Amino acid sequence: MNNTGTFQTSWHEYRGEWTHVEGEIIDEALITIYVNGAELATIMATPCQQDALALGFLKNESIIENLAEVEIVHISKLGCCVDVWLNHAFQKPERVIVTSGCGGGVTFSDPRLGLEPIASSAQTNPEVLREQFRKLQPPNSLYARSRGVHAAGLLDMEREVLLVVVEDVGRHNTIDKVAGLCLRDGIDSRGKALLVTGRISSEMLRKAARMGCPLVASRTSPTSISVEMARAWNITLVGYVRSGRLRVYSNPERLGDWRDNTGSELNDN
């Protein structure tokens, strides 16, 4: 395991004629997270920023709330294991839910339960969202080198700047990595927008809610449950952010002038 995020390989490519190509594809590996010596979860992920992945997973699963609870984070030499030692006892959850996340995500509770609506007056506009999405996968990104990878970013809507950008083969992993970097680097994710390139499923929406993000936007679609959750938790849910268009499924007031061209207010129901 090289921990760079990509894997050097070769392939035969046809573009009118056959050629042999040397290049990179996205790396994928089993990453096992241990807490206080006990195995918690094994996740299919891109083997880079494993510490952020582990910390964010623990935060988003409500196992920890802040970095003060963490004494040690150690990544094994091969990069396939992350040992996290806490300064308090840890009881491994008995129930494991396999989520719809690519690579087979896991969670330990029903994604629909247990969170209060987010109170935030933060706003942005469609043009800012479209511009910031173009910055998620710049020329030096894993995507530019290998394709086949998701990205996520945390957007400060007031300053219109991305505070954190990560990539991973698993779309749900990208959110955990964002949460982990925020935890590690002292970045407050509350009141910020979460931008993701993959489909927004229920467990991803729950992770965003745990981070206190009042706006979640994607290049693709949400699922039915994630729309229900966004409306219940007062989250602005945006899909299909593309050149010249986007769709708002809940709480459009955070995007400024949200009336349609007839002057009617958009209906969340």
Protein backbone atom coordinates (compact mmCIF):
# COMPACT_ATOMS: atom_id res chain seq x y z
CA MET A 1 0.00 0.00 0.00
CA ASN A 2 1.63 3.25 -1.15
CA ASN A 3 -0.59 5.77 0.70
CA THR A 4 -0.54 8.19 -2.23
CA GLY A 5 -4.15 7.56 -3.26
CA THR A 6 -3.40 6.18 -6.72
CA PHE A 7 -2.03 2.93 -8.12
CA GLN A 8 0.33 2.72 -11.09
CA THR A 9 -0.86 0.30 -13.75
CA SER A 10 -1.24 -0.13 -17.51
CA TRP A 11 -4.06 -0.74 -19.94
CA HIS A 12 -4.86 -1.17 -23.62
CA GLU A 13 -6.75 1.81 -25.01
CA TYR A 14 -8.70 2.09 -28.26
CA ARG A 15 -9.08 5.48 -29.96
CA GLY A 16 -9.39 4.48 -33.58
CA GLU A 17 -6.39 2.24 -33.02
CA TRP A 18 -4.94 0.31 -30.09
CA THR A 19 -2.23 1.74 -27.84
CA HIS A 20 -0.57 0.58 -24.62
CA VAL A 21 -0.84 3.16 -21.83
CA GLU A 22 0.95 3.49 -18.50
CA GLY A 23 -0.98 5.49 -15.94
CA GLU A 24 -2.72 5.76 -12.60
CA ILE A 25 -6.01 4.43 -11.28
CA ILE A 26 -7.56 5.25 -7.92
CA ASP A 27 -6.33 3.10 -5.05
CA GLU A 28 -8.77 1.15 -2.91
CA ALA A 29 -8.00 -0.78 0.25
CA LEU A 30 -9.54 -2.20 3.40
CA ILE A 31 -8.93 0.25 6.27
CA THR A 32 -9.65 -1.13 9.74
CA ILE A 33 -10.36 1.26 12.60
CA TYR A 34 -9.56 0.12 16.15
CA VAL A 35 -10.72 1.98 19.25
CA ASN A 36 -8.98 1.24 22.56
CA GLY A 37 -7.64 -1.95 21.02
CA ALA A 38 -11.03 -3.26 19.83
CA GLU A 39 -11.90 -3.52 16.14
CA LEU A 40 -14.69 -1.09 15.35
CA ALA A 41 -15.13 -1.17 11.58
CA THR A 42 -13.44 -2.08 8.32
CA ILE A 43 -14.06 0.34 5.48
CA MET A 44 -13.24 0.23 1.78
CA ALA A 45 -11.42 3.51 1.24
CA THR A 46 -8.62 5.29 -0.58
CA PRO A 47 -5.52 4.81 1.61
CA CYS A 48 -4.61 8.43 2.28
CA GLN A 49 -5.59 10.70 5.19
CA GLN A 50 -6.50 7.58 7.17
CA ASP A 51 -6.26 9.50 10.46
CA ALA A 52 -8.87 11.99 9.26
CA LEU A 53 -11.08 9.14 8.06
CA ALA A 54 -10.94 7.45 11.48
CA LEU A 55 -11.50 10.62 13.51
CA GLY A 56 -14.36 11.77 11.29
CA PHE A 57 -16.00 8.36 11.40
CA LEU A 58 -15.88 8.37 15.21
CA LYS A 59 -17.27 11.92 15.34
CA ASN A 60 -20.06 11.26 12.87
CA GLU A 61 -21.03 8.05 14.68
CA SER A 62 -21.28 9.97 17.99
CA ILE A 63 -18.45 7.96 19.56
CA ILE A 64 -16.48 11.14 20.23
CA GLU A 65 -17.44 14.81 20.30
CA ASN A 66 -14.06 16.55 20.32
CA LEU A 67 -10.34 15.99 19.98
CA ALA A 68 -9.80 16.29 23.74
CA GLU A 69 -11.15 12.73 24.07
CA VAL A 70 -8.41 11.34 21.82
CA GLU A 71 -5.03 10.43 23.28
CA ILE A 72 -3.37 8.63 20.34
CA VAL A 73 -4.03 8.17 16.64
CA HIS A 74 -1.62 5.76 14.99
CA ILE A 75 -1.57 4.60 11.37
CA SER A 76 0.10 1.25 10.79
CA LYS A 77 3.23 1.06 8.63
CA LEU A 78 1.26 -0.44 5.74
CA GLY A 79 -1.54 2.09 6.18
CA CYS A 80 -4.30 -0.51 6.53
CA CYS A 81 -5.00 -0.05 10.25
CA VAL A 82 -5.75 3.05 12.33
CA ASP A 83 -5.50 2.69 16.10
CA VAL A 84 -7.37 5.32 18.10
CA TRP A 85 -6.96 5.42 21.87
CA LEU A 86 -9.43 7.45 23.90
CA ASN A 87 -9.09 8.81 27.42
CA HIS A 88 -12.34 7.10 28.43
CA ALA A 89 -13.93 3.68 28.17
CA PHE A 90 -15.47 2.58 24.87
CA GLN A 91 -18.36 0.20 24.35
CA LYS A 92 -18.53 -1.19 20.82
CA PRO A 93 -22.04 -0.80 19.35
CA GLU A 94 -23.87 -4.09 18.97
CA ARG A 95 -25.87 -3.08 15.91
CA VAL A 96 -24.17 -2.51 12.56
CA ILE A 97 -26.06 -1.14 9.55
CA VAL A 98 -24.55 -1.59 6.08
CA THR A 99 -25.39 1.60 4.22
CA SER A 100 -25.89 2.40 0.55
CA GLY A 101 -22.52 4.12 0.36
CA CYS A 102 -20.26 2.94 -2.45
CA GLY A 103 -17.71 0.51 -1.11
CA GLY A 104 -20.16 -0.69 1.54
CA GLY A 105 -20.44 2.01 4.19
CA VAL A 106 -21.33 1.21 7.78
CA THR A 107 -23.15 3.02 10.55
CA PHE A 108 -24.32 2.01 14.00
CA SER A 109 -27.72 3.72 14.22
CA ASP A 110 -30.75 4.50 12.10
CA PRO A 111 -29.67 7.55 10.03
CA ARG A 112 -33.14 9.10 10.40
CA LEU A 113 -33.14 9.39 14.18
CA GLY A 114 -31.76 11.46 17.02
CA LEU A 115 -30.92 14.93 15.68
CA GLU A 116 -32.47 18.36 16.18
CA PRO A 117 -33.24 20.83 13.34
CA ILE A 118 -30.31 23.08 12.44
CA ALA A 119 -30.79 26.76 13.25
CA SER A 120 -28.62 28.81 10.93
CA SER A 121 -29.10 32.05 8.99
CA ALA A 122 -26.11 31.38 6.70
CA GLN A 123 -26.79 32.05 3.03
CA THR A 124 -25.13 31.78 -0.35
CA ASN A 125 -26.32 31.83 -3.96
CA PRO A 126 -26.35 29.46 -6.94
CA GLU A 127 -23.42 31.15 -8.68
CA VAL A 128 -21.17 30.72 -5.64
CA LEU A 129 -22.08 27.02 -5.39
CA ARG A 130 -21.29 26.42 -9.05
CA GLU A 131 -17.97 28.27 -8.80
CA GLN A 132 -16.88 26.38 -5.68
CA PHE A 133 -17.76 23.00 -7.20
CA ARG A 134 -15.26 23.72 -9.96
CA LYS A 135 -12.56 23.98 -7.26
CA LEU A 136 -13.25 20.56 -5.71
CA GLN A 137 -11.16 18.64 -8.25
CA PRO A 138 -8.34 20.92 -9.50
CA PRO A 139 -5.62 19.88 -11.99
CA ASN A 140 -3.42 18.37 -9.25
CA SER A 141 -6.25 16.31 -7.71
CA LEU A 142 -6.57 12.52 -7.55
CA TYR A 143 -9.49 12.83 -9.94
CA ALA A 144 -7.36 14.61 -12.54
CA ARG A 145 -4.71 11.87 -12.23
CA SER A 146 -6.88 8.78 -12.07
CA ARG A 147 -10.64 9.49 -12.33
CA GLY A 148 -12.94 7.14 -10.39
CA VAL A 149 -12.87 9.16 -7.15
CA HIS A 150 -15.29 11.33 -5.17
CA ALA A 151 -14.55 14.70 -3.59
CA ALA A 152 -16.04 16.75 -0.77
CA GLY A 153 -15.41 20.25 0.49
CA LEU A 154 -16.45 22.47 3.38
CA LEU A 155 -17.52 25.90 2.19
CA ASP A 156 -17.47 29.03 4.33
CA MET A 157 -20.53 30.69 2.79
CA GLU A 158 -19.78 34.12 4.24
CA ARG A 159 -16.21 34.31 2.93
CA GLU A 160 -16.94 32.18 -0.17
CA VAL A 161 -13.89 29.99 0.37
CA LEU A 162 -13.34 26.25 0.67
CA LEU A 163 -11.82 25.45 4.06
CA VAL A 164 -11.25 21.73 3.49
CA VAL A 165 -11.13 19.58 0.33
CA VAL A 166 -10.72 15.78 0.34
CA GLU A 167 -11.02 12.85 -2.07
CA ASP A 168 -11.84 9.17 -1.65
CA VAL A 169 -13.17 6.22 -3.62
CA GLY A 170 -16.15 6.18 -1.21
CA ARG A 171 -18.48 9.16 -1.26
CA HIS A 172 -19.44 8.63 2.40
CA ASN A 173 -15.74 8.44 3.31
CA THR A 174 -15.17 11.93 1.93
CA ILE A 175 -17.57 13.38 4.51
CA ASP A 176 -15.83 11.51 7.33
CA LYS A 177 -12.48 12.83 6.11
CA VAL A 178 -13.83 16.40 6.08
CA ALA A 179 -15.15 15.93 9.63
CA GLY A 180 -11.85 14.41 10.73
CA LEU A 181 -9.74 17.24 9.33
CA CYS A 182 -12.04 19.78 10.97
CA LEU A 183 -11.67 17.97 14.29
CA ARG A 184 -7.89 17.66 13.95
CA ASP A 185 -7.27 21.22 12.75
CA GLY A 186 -9.78 23.06 14.93
CA ILE A 187 -12.14 24.09 12.11
CA ASP A 188 -15.75 24.66 13.14
CA SER A 189 -18.00 22.95 10.58
CA ARG A 190 -21.19 24.43 12.03
CA GLY A 191 -22.88 26.91 9.72
CA LYS A 192 -20.79 25.83 6.74
CA ALA A 193 -21.96 24.24 3.49
CA LEU A 194 -20.94 20.70 2.59
CA LEU A 195 -20.25 20.10 -1.11
CA VAL A 196 -20.02 16.52 -2.39
CA THR A 197 -19.70 14.96 -5.82
CA GLY A 198 -21.66 11.77 -5.12
CA ARG A 199 -25.29 10.86 -4.55
CA ILE A 200 -26.66 12.12 -1.21
CA SER A 201 -28.06 9.16 0.68
CA SER A 202 -29.56 9.10 4.15
CA GLU A 203 -26.34 8.27 6.00
CA MET A 204 -24.50 11.05 4.18
CA LEU A 205 -27.20 13.56 5.10
CA ARG A 206 -26.97 12.42 8.72
CA LYS A 207 -23.19 12.91 8.74
CA ALA A 208 -23.69 16.44 7.41
CA ALA A 209 -26.29 17.13 10.09
CA ARG A 210 -23.92 15.84 12.78
CA MET A 211 -21.38 18.36 11.48
CA GLY A 212 -23.94 21.18 11.79
CA CYS A 213 -23.99 21.95 8.06
CA PRO A 214 -27.18 23.84 7.11
CA LEU A 215 -26.62 23.36 3.38
CA VAL A 216 -25.62 20.20 1.52
CA ALA A 217 -25.06 20.26 -2.24
CA SER A 218 -24.15 17.59 -4.78
CA ARG A 219 -23.45 17.25 -8.47
CA THR A 220 -25.94 14.38 -8.55
CA SER A 221 -29.18 13.35 -6.85
CA PRO A 222 -30.47 12.87 -3.31
CA THR A 223 -32.48 9.85 -2.19
CA SER A 224 -36.07 9.99 -0.96
CA ILE A 225 -35.11 9.54 2.70
CA SER A 226 -32.40 12.20 2.52
CA VAL A 227 -34.97 14.70 1.22
CA GLU A 228 -37.33 13.84 4.10
CA MET A 229 -34.47 14.18 6.59
CA ALA A 230 -33.33 17.52 5.14
CA ARG A 231 -36.84 18.95 5.49
CA ALA A 232 -37.16 17.66 9.06
CA TRP A 233 -33.71 18.95 10.08
CA ASN A 234 -33.96 22.37 8.37
CA ILE A 235 -31.16 21.61 5.91
CA THR A 236 -31.06 23.14 2.44
CA LEU A 237 -30.55 20.17 0.11
CA VAL A 238 -29.28 20.95 -3.38
CA GLY A 239 -28.75 18.50 -6.22
CA TYR A 240 -27.50 18.51 -9.80
CA VAL A 241 -25.23 21.52 -9.39
CA ARG A 242 -24.13 21.90 -12.99
CA SER A 243 -23.29 24.73 -15.34
CA GLY A 244 -26.29 27.04 -15.46
CA ARG A 245 -28.64 25.01 -13.25
CA LEU A 246 -29.30 23.24 -9.97
CA ARG A 247 -32.23 21.76 -8.03
CA VAL A 248 -33.27 22.69 -4.48
CA TYR A 249 -35.25 20.03 -2.61
CA SER A 250 -35.68 21.73 0.77
CA ASN A 251 -35.36 25.11 2.50
CA PRO A 252 -34.46 27.19 -0.59
CA GLU A 253 -34.42 30.44 1.42
CA ARG A 254 -30.67 29.94 2.06
CA LEU A 255 -30.06 30.57 -1.65
CA GLY A 256 -31.32 34.15 -1.70
CA ASP A 257 -34.03 34.93 -4.27
CA TRP A 258 -35.71 31.56 -4.52
CA ARG A 259 -38.98 32.47 -6.23
CA ASP A 260 -39.61 30.98 -9.66
CA ASN A 261 -40.03 33.10 -12.76
CA THR A 262 -43.80 33.43 -12.19
CA GLY A 263 -43.20 35.04 -8.80
CA SER A 264 -44.51 32.00 -6.90
CA GLU A 265 -42.70 30.62 -3.91
CA LEU A 266 -41.16 27.20 -4.42
CA ASN A 267 -42.99 24.43 -2.58
CA ASP A 268 -41.00 22.03 -0.39
CA ASN A 269 -43.88 19.55 -0.20
